[in-house]
Amino acid sequence: MESSAIKSGALVSLQDLHQSSPFFKQGASLRVTGKLQEYSVETAIAIVVDGNAKLKINTQHLRDLSFRVGSIYQFIGELLIQPDDEAILQARVGRNVDGIDLNLYHQSLQLLRQFQADHLSTT
């Protein structure tokens, strides 16, 4: 019997989400964090940035979330890769995380990756 459970979103920084990344897969369940650069009410498309990396987020399924350009948001959803290799995250969860220290967040993400690599290599 095939499981239809919703997968958890793998923590990934926008800088790590590129074509050669193991996370850059059709349907990959991801959790991303970035500053809202742009939002279109008509298309429900948000663009979040982190450093020089950016990602389009389809927010059509999100309710009760107000968008403010310049605020920091975290989204969980599935990655949809277009024929031109442009990625769009189909968000199922979104939240405002203003106040998060992005430098500390990136450091903790690196430590988590290191721990997972060490743990997986010893088993």
PDB file of N, CA and C in Angstrom:
ATOM      1  N   MET A   1       0.835  -1.174   0.000  1.00  0.00           N
ATOM      2  CA  MET A   1       0.000   0.000   0.000  1.00  0.00           C
ATOM      3  C   MET A   1       0.885   1.244   0.000  1.00  0.00           C
ATOM      4  N   GLU A   2       0.659   2.127  -0.935  1.00  0.00           N
ATOM      5  CA  GLU A   2       1.484   3.325  -1.070  1.00  0.00           C
ATOM      6  C   GLU A   2       1.074   4.370  -0.047  1.00  0.00           C
ATOM      7  N   SER A   3       2.085   4.979   0.558  1.00  0.00           N
ATOM      8  CA  SER A   3       1.826   5.994   1.573  1.00  0.00           C
ATOM      9  C   SER A   3       1.520   7.324   0.902  1.00  0.00           C
ATOM     10  N   SER A   4       0.455   7.981   1.351  1.00  0.00           N
ATOM     11  CA  SER A   4       0.106   9.294   0.808  1.00  0.00           C
ATOM     12  C   SER A   4       0.368  10.385   1.838  1.00  0.00           C
ATOM     13  N   ALA A   5       1.205  10.066   2.826  1.00  0.00           N
ATOM     14  CA  ALA A   5       1.513  11.024   3.881  1.00  0.00           C
ATOM     15  C   ALA A   5       2.264  12.221   3.303  1.00  0.00           C
ATOM     16  N   ILE A   6       1.992  13.390   3.873  1.00  0.00           N
ATOM     17  CA  ILE A   6       2.686  14.601   3.458  1.00  0.00           C
ATOM     18  C   ILE A   6       4.099  14.551   4.010  1.00  0.00           C
ATOM     19  N   LYS A   7       5.068  14.794   3.149  1.00  0.00           N
ATOM     20  CA  LYS A   7       6.467  14.745   3.577  1.00  0.00           C
ATOM     21  C   LYS A   7       6.858  16.042   4.272  1.00  0.00           C
ATOM     22  N   SER A   8       7.774  15.900   5.205  1.00  0.00           N
ATOM     23  CA  SER A   8       8.287  17.095   5.879  1.00  0.00           C
ATOM     24  C   SER A   8       9.145  17.887   4.901  1.00  0.00           C
ATOM     25  N   GLY A   9       9.227  19.175   5.122  1.00  0.00           N
ATOM     26  CA  GLY A   9      10.028  20.023   4.252  1.00  0.00           C
ATOM     27  C   GLY A   9      11.482  20.016   4.680  1.00  0.00           C
ATOM     28  N   ALA A  10      12.359  19.573   3.794  1.00  0.00           N
ATOM     29  CA  ALA A  10      13.795  19.576   4.084  1.00  0.00           C
ATOM     30  C   ALA A  10      14.277  21.021   4.185  1.00  0.00           C
ATOM     31  N   LEU A  11      15.036  21.316   5.246  1.00  0.00           N
ATOM     32  CA  LEU A  11      15.595  22.657   5.417  1.00  0.00           C
ATOM     33  C   LEU A  11      16.627  22.916   4.326  1.00  0.00           C
ATOM     34  N   VAL A  12      16.441  23.994   3.607  1.00  0.00           N
ATOM     35  CA  VAL A  12      17.392  24.332   2.551  1.00  0.00           C
ATOM     36  C   VAL A  12      17.478  25.855   2.436  1.00  0.00           C
ATOM     37  N   SER A  13      18.696  26.348   2.284  1.00  0.00           N
ATOM     38  CA  SER A  13      18.867  27.791   2.071  1.00  0.00           C
ATOM     39  C   SER A  13      18.677  28.067   0.581  1.00  0.00           C
ATOM     40  N   LEU A  14      18.296  29.280   0.267  1.00  0.00           N
ATOM     41  CA  LEU A  14      18.097  29.624  -1.138  1.00  0.00           C
ATOM     42  C   LEU A  14      19.400  29.496  -1.934  1.00  0.00           C
ATOM     43  N   GLN A  15      20.542  29.765  -1.286  1.00  0.00           N
ATOM     44  CA  GLN A  15      21.830  29.639  -1.977  1.00  0.00           C
ATOM     45  C   GLN A  15      22.116  28.187  -2.362  1.00  0.00           C
ATOM     46  N   ASP A  16      21.586  27.243  -1.585  1.00  0.00           N
ATOM     47  CA  ASP A  16      21.821  25.825  -1.861  1.00  0.00           C
ATOM     48  C   ASP A  16      20.836  25.238  -2.863  1.00  0.00           C
ATOM     49  N   LEU A  17      19.914  26.049  -3.333  1.00  0.00           N
ATOM     50  CA  LEU A  17      18.886  25.564  -4.247  1.00  0.00           C
ATOM     51  C   LEU A  17      19.231  25.999  -5.668  1.00  0.00           C
ATOM     52  N   HIS A  18      20.057  25.192  -6.324  1.00  0.00           N
ATOM     53  CA  HIS A  18      20.468  25.461  -7.699  1.00  0.00           C
ATOM     54  C   HIS A  18      20.371  24.154  -8.484  1.00  0.00           C
ATOM     55  N   GLN A  19      20.549  24.220  -9.798  1.00  0.00           N
ATOM     56  CA  GLN A  19      20.304  23.063 -10.659  1.00  0.00           C
ATOM     57  C   GLN A  19      21.129  21.833 -10.307  1.00  0.00           C
ATOM     58  N   SER A  20      22.341  22.013  -9.793  1.00  0.00           N
ATOM     59  CA  SER A  20      23.180  20.858  -9.460  1.00  0.00           C
ATOM     60  C   SER A  20      22.989  20.400  -8.013  1.00  0.00           C
ATOM     61  N   SER A  21      22.070  21.031  -7.297  1.00  0.00           N
ATOM     62  CA  SER A  21      21.806  20.693  -5.902  1.00  0.00           C
ATOM     63  C   SER A  21      20.981  19.407  -5.809  1.00  0.00           C
ATOM     64  N   PRO A  22      21.246  18.579  -4.786  1.00  0.00           N
ATOM     65  CA  PRO A  22      20.417  17.382  -4.600  1.00  0.00           C
ATOM     66  C   PRO A  22      18.972  17.733  -4.211  1.00  0.00           C
ATOM     67  N   PHE A  23      18.726  18.960  -3.791  1.00  0.00           N
ATOM     68  CA  PHE A  23      17.382  19.398  -3.426  1.00  0.00           C
ATOM     69  C   PHE A  23      16.575  19.865  -4.636  1.00  0.00           C
ATOM     70  N   PHE A  24      17.256  20.122  -5.758  1.00  0.00           N
ATOM     71  CA  PHE A  24      16.609  20.663  -6.956  1.00  0.00           C
ATOM     72  C   PHE A  24      15.984  19.513  -7.744  1.00  0.00           C
ATOM     73  N   LYS A  25      14.861  19.000  -7.214  1.00  0.00           N
ATOM     74  CA  LYS A  25      14.164  17.881  -7.834  1.00  0.00           C
ATOM     75  C   LYS A  25      12.679  18.194  -7.912  1.00  0.00           C
ATOM     76  N   GLN A  26      12.073  17.760  -8.980  1.00  0.00           N
ATOM     77  CA  GLN A  26      10.631  17.946  -9.157  1.00  0.00           C
ATOM     78  C   GLN A  26       9.881  17.306  -7.987  1.00  0.00           C
ATOM     79  N   GLY A  27       9.033  18.075  -7.332  1.00  0.00           N
ATOM     80  CA  GLY A  27       8.223  17.550  -6.246  1.00  0.00           C
ATOM     81  C   GLY A  27       8.917  17.456  -4.899  1.00  0.00           C
ATOM     82  N   ALA A  28      10.170  17.910  -4.814  1.00  0.00           N
ATOM     83  CA  ALA A  28      10.890  17.856  -3.539  1.00  0.00           C
ATOM     84  C   ALA A  28      10.165  18.715  -2.506  1.00  0.00           C
ATOM     85  N   SER A  29      10.003  18.183  -1.305  1.00  0.00           N
ATOM     86  CA  SER A  29       9.355  18.914  -0.221  1.00  0.00           C
ATOM     87  C   SER A  29      10.431  19.688   0.535  1.00  0.00           C
ATOM     88  N   LEU A  30      10.302  21.025   0.533  1.00  0.00           N
ATOM     89  CA  LEU A  30      11.355  21.891   1.070  1.00  0.00           C
ATOM     90  C   LEU A  30      10.791  22.924   2.037  1.00  0.00           C
ATOM     91  N   ARG A  31      11.674  23.394   2.923  1.00  0.00           N
ATOM     92  CA  ARG A  31      11.382  24.550   3.774  1.00  0.00           C
ATOM     93  C   ARG A  31      12.435  25.602   3.471  1.00  0.00           C
ATOM     94  N   VAL A  32      11.992  26.771   3.021  1.00  0.00           N
ATOM     95  CA  VAL A  32      12.908  27.858   2.650  1.00  0.00           C
ATOM     96  C   VAL A  32      12.571  29.107   3.442  1.00  0.00           C
ATOM     97  N   THR A  33      13.578  29.936   3.633  1.00  0.00           N
ATOM     98  CA  THR A  33      13.415  31.190   4.365  1.00  0.00           C
ATOM     99  C   THR A  33      14.055  32.303   3.549  1.00  0.00           C
ATOM    100  N   GLY A  34      13.372  33.441   3.455  1.00  0.00           N
ATOM    101  CA  GLY A  34      13.940  34.568   2.732  1.00  0.00           C
ATOM    102  C   GLY A  34      13.140  35.836   2.945  1.00  0.00           C
ATOM    103  N   LYS A  35      13.724  36.925   2.505  1.00  0.00           N
ATOM    104  CA  LYS A  35      13.086  38.244   2.619  1.00  0.00           C
ATOM    105  C   LYS A  35      12.191  38.458   1.403  1.00  0.00           C
ATOM    106  N   LEU A  36      10.962  38.903   1.662  1.00  0.00           N
ATOM    107  CA  LEU A  36      10.015  39.143   0.580  1.00  0.00           C
ATOM    108  C   LEU A  36      10.461  40.359  -0.224  1.00  0.00           C
ATOM    109  N   GLN A  37      10.757  40.123  -1.490  1.00  0.00           N
ATOM    110  CA  GLN A  37      11.194  41.193  -2.379  1.00  0.00           C
ATOM    111  C   GLN A  37      10.024  41.762  -3.173  1.00  0.00           C
ATOM    112  N   GLU A  38       9.080  40.870  -3.496  1.00  0.00           N
ATOM    113  CA  GLU A  38       7.988  41.274  -4.378  1.00  0.00           C
ATOM    114  C   GLU A  38       6.803  40.337  -4.136  1.00  0.00           C
ATOM    115  N   TYR A  39       5.593  40.876  -4.264  1.00  0.00           N
ATOM    116  CA  TYR A  39       4.398  40.038  -4.149  1.00  0.00           C
ATOM    117  C   TYR A  39       3.315  40.568  -5.070  1.00  0.00           C
ATOM    118  N   SER A  40       2.708  39.677  -5.853  1.00  0.00           N
ATOM    119  CA  SER A  40       1.626  40.044  -6.749  1.00  0.00           C
ATOM    120  C   SER A  40       0.326  39.421  -6.239  1.00  0.00           C
ATOM    121  N   VAL A  41      -0.625  40.262  -5.899  1.00  0.00           N
ATOM    122  CA  VAL A  41      -1.930  39.785  -5.431  1.00  0.00           C
ATOM    123  C   VAL A  41      -2.653  39.059  -6.565  1.00  0.00           C
ATOM    124  N   GLU A  42      -2.519  39.556  -7.802  1.00  0.00           N
ATOM    125  CA  GLU A  42      -3.221  38.969  -8.948  1.00  0.00           C
ATOM    126  C   GLU A  42      -2.779  37.536  -9.224  1.00  0.00           C
ATOM    127  N   THR A  43      -1.476  37.269  -9.150  1.00  0.00           N
ATOM    128  CA  THR A  43      -0.967  35.929  -9.477  1.00  0.00           C
ATOM    129  C   THR A  43      -0.678  35.096  -8.234  1.00  0.00           C
ATOM    130  N   ALA A  44      -0.699  35.715  -7.051  1.00  0.00           N
ATOM    131  CA  ALA A  44      -0.348  35.064  -5.775  1.00  0.00           C
ATOM    132  C   ALA A  44       1.088  34.546  -5.789  1.00  0.00           C
ATOM    133  N   ILE A  45       1.950  35.210  -6.561  1.00  0.00           N
ATOM    134  CA  ILE A  45       3.360  34.824  -6.634  1.00  0.00           C
ATOM    135  C   ILE A  45       4.184  35.794  -5.786  1.00  0.00           C
ATOM    136  N   ALA A  46       4.957  35.216  -4.883  1.00  0.00           N
ATOM    137  CA  ALA A  46       5.887  35.986  -4.059  1.00  0.00           C
ATOM    138  C   ALA A  46       7.302  35.671  -4.532  1.00  0.00           C
ATOM    139  N   ILE A  47       8.180  36.624  -4.413  1.00  0.00           N
ATOM    140  CA  ILE A  47       9.602  36.383  -4.692  1.00  0.00           C
ATOM    141  C   ILE A  47      10.350  36.670  -3.406  1.00  0.00           C
ATOM    142  N   VAL A  48      11.047  35.640  -2.910  1.00  0.00           N
ATOM    143  CA  VAL A  48      11.854  35.800  -1.706  1.00  0.00           C
ATOM    144  C   VAL A  48      13.323  35.731  -2.095  1.00  0.00           C
ATOM    145  N   VAL A  49      14.134  36.482  -1.357  1.00  0.00           N
ATOM    146  CA  VAL A  49      15.570  36.544  -1.629  1.00  0.00           C
ATOM    147  C   VAL A  49      16.343  36.271  -0.343  1.00  0.00           C
ATOM    148  N   ASP A  50      17.529  35.760  -0.545  1.00  0.00           N
ATOM    149  CA  ASP A  50      18.476  35.569   0.551  1.00  0.00           C
ATOM    150  C   ASP A  50      19.850  35.759  -0.057  1.00  0.00           C
ATOM    151  N   GLY A  51      20.484  36.884   0.261  1.00  0.00           N
ATOM    152  CA  GLY A  51      21.741  37.216  -0.399  1.00  0.00           C
ATOM    153  C   GLY A  51      21.449  37.492  -1.862  1.00  0.00           C
ATOM    154  N   ASN A  52      22.171  36.796  -2.760  1.00  0.00           N
ATOM    155  CA  ASN A  52      21.936  36.999  -4.192  1.00  0.00           C
ATOM    156  C   ASN A  52      21.062  35.900  -4.798  1.00  0.00           C
ATOM    157  N   ALA A  53      20.533  35.022  -3.967  1.00  0.00           N
ATOM    158  CA  ALA A  53      19.666  33.939  -4.450  1.00  0.00           C
ATOM    159  C   ALA A  53      18.209  34.336  -4.266  1.00  0.00           C
ATOM    160  N   LYS A  54      17.362  33.927  -5.214  1.00  0.00           N
ATOM    161  CA  LYS A  54      15.946  34.216  -5.073  1.00  0.00           C
ATOM    162  C   LYS A  54      15.120  33.046  -5.577  1.00  0.00           C
ATOM    163  N   LEU A  55      13.863  33.006  -5.123  1.00  0.00           N
ATOM    164  CA  LEU A  55      12.970  31.910  -5.481  1.00  0.00           C
ATOM    165  C   LEU A  55      11.551  32.434  -5.564  1.00  0.00           C
ATOM    166  N   LYS A  56      10.819  31.962  -6.570  1.00  0.00           N
ATOM    167  CA  LYS A  56       9.403  32.289  -6.682  1.00  0.00           C
ATOM    168  C   LYS A  56       8.610  31.329  -5.809  1.00  0.00           C
ATOM    169  N   ILE A  57       7.600  31.872  -5.136  1.00  0.00           N
ATOM    170  CA  ILE A  57       6.734  31.080  -4.262  1.00  0.00           C
ATOM    171  C   ILE A  57       5.298  31.273  -4.731  1.00  0.00           C
ATOM    172  N   ASN A  58       4.606  30.173  -5.022  1.00  0.00           N
ATOM    173  CA  ASN A  58       3.190  30.245  -5.359  1.00  0.00           C
ATOM    174  C   ASN A  58       2.416  30.139  -4.049  1.00  0.00           C
ATOM    175  N   THR A  59       1.729  31.205  -3.686  1.00  0.00           N
ATOM    176  CA  THR A  59       1.052  31.274  -2.385  1.00  0.00           C
ATOM    177  C   THR A  59      -0.467  31.103  -2.496  1.00  0.00           C
ATOM    178  N   GLN A  60      -0.953  30.590  -3.610  1.00  0.00           N
ATOM    179  CA  GLN A  60      -2.406  30.545  -3.833  1.00  0.00           C
ATOM    180  C   GLN A  60      -3.159  29.712  -2.806  1.00  0.00           C
ATOM    181  N   HIS A  61      -2.521  28.744  -2.159  1.00  0.00           N
ATOM    182  CA  HIS A  61      -3.203  27.898  -1.184  1.00  0.00           C
ATOM    183  C   HIS A  61      -3.080  28.406   0.254  1.00  0.00           C
ATOM    184  N   LEU A  62      -2.389  29.514   0.458  1.00  0.00           N
ATOM    185  CA  LEU A  62      -2.199  30.036   1.811  1.00  0.00           C
ATOM    186  C   LEU A  62      -3.337  30.979   2.180  1.00  0.00           C
ATOM    187  N   ARG A  63      -3.784  30.872   3.421  1.00  0.00           N
ATOM    188  CA  ARG A  63      -4.844  31.742   3.916  1.00  0.00           C
ATOM    189  C   ARG A  63      -4.350  32.451   5.171  1.00  0.00           C
ATOM    190  N   ASP A  64      -4.932  33.588   5.458  1.00  0.00           N
ATOM    191  CA  ASP A  64      -4.629  34.335   6.689  1.00  0.00           C
ATOM    192  C   ASP A  64      -3.152  34.670   6.848  1.00  0.00           C
ATOM    193  N   LEU A  65      -2.498  34.988   5.745  1.00  0.00           N
ATOM    194  CA  LEU A  65      -1.104  35.419   5.794  1.00  0.00           C
ATOM    195  C   LEU A  65      -1.003  36.708   4.995  1.00  0.00           C
ATOM    196  N   SER A  66      -0.641  37.791   5.672  1.00  0.00           N
ATOM    197  CA  SER A  66      -0.488  39.060   4.967  1.00  0.00           C
ATOM    198  C   SER A  66       0.976  39.231   4.582  1.00  0.00           C
ATOM    199  N   PHE A  67       1.192  39.765   3.408  1.00  0.00           N
ATOM    200  CA  PHE A  67       2.543  39.914   2.876  1.00  0.00           C
ATOM    201  C   PHE A  67       2.987  41.363   2.925  1.00  0.00           C
ATOM    202  N   ARG A  68       4.199  41.567   3.455  1.00  0.00           N
ATOM    203  CA  ARG A  68       4.808  42.895   3.513  1.00  0.00           C
ATOM    204  C   ARG A  68       6.209  42.797   2.911  1.00  0.00           C
ATOM    205  N   VAL A  69       6.424  43.546   1.851  1.00  0.00           N
ATOM    206  CA  VAL A  69       7.749  43.579   1.222  1.00  0.00           C
ATOM    207  C   VAL A  69       8.762  44.009   2.267  1.00  0.00           C
ATOM    208  N   GLY A  70       9.879  43.300   2.340  1.00  0.00           N
ATOM    209  CA  GLY A  70      10.926  43.602   3.315  1.00  0.00           C
ATOM    210  C   GLY A  70      10.863  42.719   4.542  1.00  0.00           C
ATOM    211  N   SER A  71       9.737  42.044   4.768  1.00  0.00           N
ATOM    212  CA  SER A  71       9.618  41.127   5.900  1.00  0.00           C
ATOM    213  C   SER A  71      10.221  39.771   5.527  1.00  0.00           C
ATOM    214  N   ILE A  72      10.545  38.993   6.545  1.00  0.00           N
ATOM    215  CA  ILE A  72      11.148  37.673   6.327  1.00  0.00           C
ATOM    216  C   ILE A  72      10.074  36.610   6.519  1.00  0.00           C
ATOM    217  N   TYR A  73      10.034  35.674   5.565  1.00  0.00           N
ATOM    218  CA  TYR A  73       9.028  34.617   5.577  1.00  0.00           C
ATOM    219  C   TYR A  73       9.692  33.254   5.441  1.00  0.00           C
ATOM    220  N   GLN A  74       8.992  32.259   5.958  1.00  0.00           N
ATOM    221  CA  GLN A  74       9.426  30.875   5.816  1.00  0.00           C
ATOM    222  C   GLN A  74       8.262  30.123   5.170  1.00  0.00           C
ATOM    223  N   PHE A  75       8.576  29.304   4.176  1.00  0.00           N
ATOM    224  CA  PHE A  75       7.562  28.549   3.452  1.00  0.00           C
ATOM    225  C   PHE A  75       7.939  27.079   3.410  1.00  0.00           C
ATOM    226  N   ILE A  76       6.930  26.231   3.494  1.00  0.00           N
ATOM    227  CA  ILE A  76       7.099  24.793   3.285  1.00  0.00           C
ATOM    228  C   ILE A  76       6.206  24.420   2.117  1.00  0.00           C
ATOM    229  N   GLY A  77       6.765  23.673   1.183  1.00  0.00           N
ATOM    230  CA  GLY A  77       5.982  23.271   0.024  1.00  0.00           C
ATOM    231  C   GLY A  77       6.778  22.381  -0.902  1.00  0.00           C
ATOM    232  N   GLU A  78       6.198  22.159  -2.069  1.00  0.00           N
ATOM    233  CA  GLU A  78       6.814  21.276  -3.051  1.00  0.00           C
ATOM    234  C   GLU A  78       7.395  22.097  -4.201  1.00  0.00           C
ATOM    235  N   LEU A  79       8.568  21.675  -4.653  1.00  0.00           N
ATOM    236  CA  LEU A  79       9.273  22.377  -5.717  1.00  0.00           C
ATOM    237  C   LEU A  79       8.736  21.923  -7.076  1.00  0.00           C
ATOM    238  N   LEU A  80       8.332  22.893  -7.869  1.00  0.00           N
ATOM    239  CA  LEU A  80       7.882  22.615  -9.230  1.00  0.00           C
ATOM    240  C   LEU A  80       8.918  23.208 -10.176  1.00  0.00           C
ATOM    241  N   ILE A  81       9.484  22.371 -11.032  1.00  0.00           N
ATOM    242  CA  ILE A  81      10.518  22.835 -11.958  1.00  0.00           C
ATOM    243  C   ILE A  81       9.897  22.979 -13.338  1.00  0.00           C
ATOM    244  N   GLN A  82       9.949  24.195 -13.854  1.00  0.00           N
ATOM    245  CA  GLN A  82       9.375  24.507 -15.163  1.00  0.00           C
ATOM    246  C   GLN A  82      10.282  23.969 -16.276  1.00  0.00           C
ATOM    247  N   PRO A  83       9.764  23.862 -17.509  1.00  0.00           N
ATOM    248  CA  PRO A  83      10.586  23.373 -18.627  1.00  0.00           C
ATOM    249  C   PRO A  83      11.866  24.182 -18.857  1.00  0.00           C
ATOM    250  N   ASP A  84      11.845  25.474 -18.489  1.00  0.00           N
ATOM    251  CA  ASP A  84      13.045  26.310 -18.657  1.00  0.00           C
ATOM    252  C   ASP A  84      13.961  26.243 -17.431  1.00  0.00           C
ATOM    253  N   ASP A  85      13.740  25.246 -16.553  1.00  0.00           N
ATOM    254  CA  ASP A  85      14.514  25.021 -15.327  1.00  0.00           C
ATOM    255  C   ASP A  85      14.314  26.110 -14.276  1.00  0.00           C
ATOM    256  N   GLU A  86      13.260  26.896 -14.412  1.00  0.00           N
ATOM    257  CA  GLU A  86      12.930  27.858 -13.363  1.00  0.00           C
ATOM    258  C   GLU A  86      12.151  27.108 -12.283  1.00  0.00           C
ATOM    259  N   ALA A  87      12.521  27.336 -11.034  1.00  0.00           N
ATOM    260  CA  ALA A  87      11.876  26.643  -9.919  1.00  0.00           C
ATOM    261  C   ALA A  87      10.848  27.551  -9.257  1.00  0.00           C
ATOM    262  N   ILE A  88       9.713  26.953  -8.899  1.00  0.00           N
ATOM    263  CA  ILE A  88       8.664  27.642  -8.145  1.00  0.00           C
ATOM    264  C   ILE A  88       8.254  26.723  -7.004  1.00  0.00           C
ATOM    265  N   LEU A  89       8.228  27.258  -5.796  1.00  0.00           N
ATOM    266  CA  LEU A  89       7.787  26.468  -4.655  1.00  0.00           C
ATOM    267  C   LEU A  89       6.279  26.631  -4.506  1.00  0.00           C
ATOM    268  N   GLN A  90       5.553  25.506  -4.559  1.00  0.00           N
ATOM    269  CA  GLN A  90       4.099  25.510  -4.344  1.00  0.00           C
ATOM    270  C   GLN A  90       3.896  25.418  -2.833  1.00  0.00           C
ATOM    271  N   ALA A  91       3.699  26.571  -2.192  1.00  0.00           N
ATOM    272  CA  ALA A  91       3.657  26.624  -0.733  1.00  0.00           C
ATOM    273  C   ALA A  91       2.362  26.033  -0.188  1.00  0.00           C
ATOM    274  N   ARG A  92       2.508  25.211   0.863  1.00  0.00           N
ATOM    275  CA  ARG A  92       1.335  24.716   1.592  1.00  0.00           C
ATOM    276  C   ARG A  92       1.288  25.311   2.989  1.00  0.00           C
ATOM    277  N   VAL A  93       2.433  25.851   3.456  1.00  0.00           N
ATOM    278  CA  VAL A  93       2.520  26.510   4.752  1.00  0.00           C
ATOM    279  C   VAL A  93       3.394  27.742   4.579  1.00  0.00           C
ATOM    280  N   GLY A  94       3.003  28.829   5.219  1.00  0.00           N
ATOM    281  CA  GLY A  94       3.814  30.037   5.192  1.00  0.00           C
ATOM    282  C   GLY A  94       3.654  30.784   6.495  1.00  0.00           C
ATOM    283  N   ARG A  95       4.736  31.422   6.923  1.00  0.00           N
ATOM    284  CA  ARG A  95       4.649  32.225   8.142  1.00  0.00           C
ATOM    285  C   ARG A  95       5.668  33.350   8.093  1.00  0.00           C
ATOM    286  N   ASN A  96       5.327  34.425   8.785  1.00  0.00           N
ATOM    287  CA  ASN A  96       6.232  35.550   8.915  1.00  0.00           C
ATOM    288  C   ASN A  96       7.200  35.227  10.045  1.00  0.00           C
ATOM    289  N   VAL A  97       8.494  35.381   9.783  1.00  0.00           N
ATOM    290  CA  VAL A  97       9.506  35.107  10.804  1.00  0.00           C
ATOM    291  C   VAL A  97      10.400  36.332  11.015  1.00  0.00           C
ATOM    292  N   ASP A  98       9.798  37.518  10.939  1.00  0.00           N
ATOM    293  CA  ASP A  98      10.555  38.741  11.229  1.00  0.00           C
ATOM    294  C   ASP A  98      11.232  38.596  12.585  1.00  0.00           C
ATOM    295  N   GLY A  99      12.440  39.068  12.675  1.00  0.00           N
ATOM    296  CA  GLY A  99      13.175  38.971  13.934  1.00  0.00           C
ATOM    297  C   GLY A  99      14.169  37.828  13.945  1.00  0.00           C
ATOM    298  N   ILE A 100      14.056  36.912  12.984  1.00  0.00           N
ATOM    299  CA  ILE A 100      15.007  35.804  12.926  1.00  0.00           C
ATOM    300  C   ILE A 100      16.376  36.360  12.532  1.00  0.00           C
ATOM    301  N   ASP A 101      17.417  35.843  13.153  1.00  0.00           N
ATOM    302  CA  ASP A 101      18.790  36.205  12.802  1.00  0.00           C
ATOM    303  C   ASP A 101      19.219  35.269  11.670  1.00  0.00           C
ATOM    304  N   LEU A 102      19.209  35.784  10.436  1.00  0.00           N
ATOM    305  CA  LEU A 102      19.500  34.931   9.287  1.00  0.00           C
ATOM    306  C   LEU A 102      20.920  34.376   9.306  1.00  0.00           C
ATOM    307  N   ASN A 103      21.886  35.144   9.834  1.00  0.00           N
ATOM    308  CA  ASN A 103      23.251  34.622   9.917  1.00  0.00           C
ATOM    309  C   ASN A 103      23.307  33.425  10.860  1.00  0.00           C
ATOM    310  N   LEU A 104      22.668  33.545  12.006  1.00  0.00           N
ATOM    311  CA  LEU A 104      22.619  32.439  12.960  1.00  0.00           C
ATOM    312  C   LEU A 104      21.840  31.262  12.379  1.00  0.00           C
ATOM    313  N   TYR A 105      20.771  31.547  11.655  1.00  0.00           N
ATOM    314  CA  TYR A 105      19.981  30.498  10.998  1.00  0.00           C
ATOM    315  C   TYR A 105      20.864  29.715  10.021  1.00  0.00           C
ATOM    316  N   HIS A 106      21.660  30.433   9.213  1.00  0.00           N
ATOM    317  CA  HIS A 106      22.540  29.759   8.244  1.00  0.00           C
ATOM    318  C   HIS A 106      23.617  28.936   8.954  1.00  0.00           C
ATOM    319  N   GLN A 107      24.150  29.450  10.060  1.00  0.00           N
ATOM    320  CA  GLN A 107      25.146  28.698  10.828  1.00  0.00           C
ATOM    321  C   GLN A 107      24.541  27.411  11.371  1.00  0.00           C
ATOM    322  N   SER A 108      23.321  27.487  11.913  1.00  0.00           N
ATOM    323  CA  SER A 108      22.681  26.294  12.459  1.00  0.00           C
ATOM    324  C   SER A 108      22.367  25.290  11.351  1.00  0.00           C
ATOM    325  N   LEU A 109      22.024  25.778  10.174  1.00  0.00           N
ATOM    326  CA  LEU A 109      21.765  24.898   9.039  1.00  0.00           C
ATOM    327  C   LEU A 109      23.042  24.165   8.619  1.00  0.00           C
ATOM    328  N   GLN A 110      24.179  24.873   8.620  1.00  0.00           N
ATOM    329  CA  GLN A 110      25.460  24.233   8.291  1.00  0.00           C
ATOM    330  C   GLN A 110      25.828  23.176   9.332  1.00  0.00           C
ATOM    331  N   LEU A 111      25.606  23.491  10.616  1.00  0.00           N
ATOM    332  CA  LEU A 111      25.895  22.514  11.670  1.00  0.00           C
ATOM    333  C   LEU A 111      24.995  21.297  11.561  1.00  0.00           C
ATOM    334  N   LEU A 112      23.727  21.512  11.222  1.00  0.00           N
ATOM    335  CA  LEU A 112      22.804  20.393  11.032  1.00  0.00           C
ATOM    336  C   LEU A 112      23.270  19.502   9.888  1.00  0.00           C
ATOM    337  N   ARG A 113      23.667  20.097   8.764  1.00  0.00           N
ATOM    338  CA  ARG A 113      24.172  19.316   7.615  1.00  0.00           C
ATOM    339  C   ARG A 113      25.418  18.519   8.004  1.00  0.00           C
ATOM    340  N   GLN A 114      26.313  19.155   8.758  1.00  0.00           N
ATOM    341  CA  GLN A 114      27.539  18.480   9.193  1.00  0.00           C
ATOM    342  C   GLN A 114      27.195  17.299  10.105  1.00  0.00           C
ATOM    343  N   PHE A 115      26.287  17.517  11.052  1.00  0.00           N
ATOM    344  CA  PHE A 115      25.865  16.453  11.959  1.00  0.00           C
ATOM    345  C   PHE A 115      25.230  15.300  11.183  1.00  0.00           C
ATOM    346  N   GLN A 116      24.358  15.635  10.240  1.00  0.00           N
ATOM    347  CA  GLN A 116      23.700  14.586   9.455  1.00  0.00           C
ATOM    348  C   GLN A 116      24.713  13.810   8.618  1.00  0.00           C
ATOM    349  N   ALA A 117      25.680  14.488   8.043  1.00  0.00           N
ATOM    350  CA  ALA A 117      26.705  13.816   7.248  1.00  0.00           C
ATOM    351  C   ALA A 117      27.550  12.904   8.112  1.00  0.00           C
ATOM    352  N   ASP A 118      27.925  13.369   9.301  1.00  0.00           N
ATOM    353  CA  ASP A 118      28.720  12.559  10.229  1.00  0.00           C
ATOM    354  C   ASP A 118      27.910  11.361  10.709  1.00  0.00           C
ATOM    355  N   HIS A 119      26.653  11.583  11.054  1.00  0.00           N
ATOM    356  CA  HIS A 119      25.797  10.528  11.579  1.00  0.00           C
ATOM    357  C   HIS A 119      25.510   9.461  10.524  1.00  0.00           C
ATOM    358  N   LEU A 120      25.217   9.906   9.303  1.00  0.00           N
ATOM    359  CA  LEU A 120      24.901   8.957   8.238  1.00  0.00           C
ATOM    360  C   LEU A 120      26.117   8.162   7.796  1.00  0.00           C
ATOM    361  N   SER A 121      27.309   8.770   7.908  1.00  0.00           N
ATOM    362  CA  SER A 121      28.519   8.054   7.478  1.00  0.00           C
ATOM    363  C   SER A 121      28.966   6.992   8.493  1.00  0.00           C
ATOM    364  N   THR A 122      28.494   7.098   9.732  1.00  0.00           N
ATOM    365  CA  THR A 122      28.912   6.132  10.761  1.00  0.00           C
ATOM    366  C   THR A 122      27.924   4.980  10.904  1.00  0.00           C
ATOM    367  N   THR A 123      26.779   5.049  10.213  1.00  0.00           N
ATOM    368  CA  THR A 123      25.810   3.958  10.332  1.00  0.00           C
ATOM    369  C   THR A 123      25.909   2.998   9.187  1.00  0.00           C
TER     370      THR A 123
END
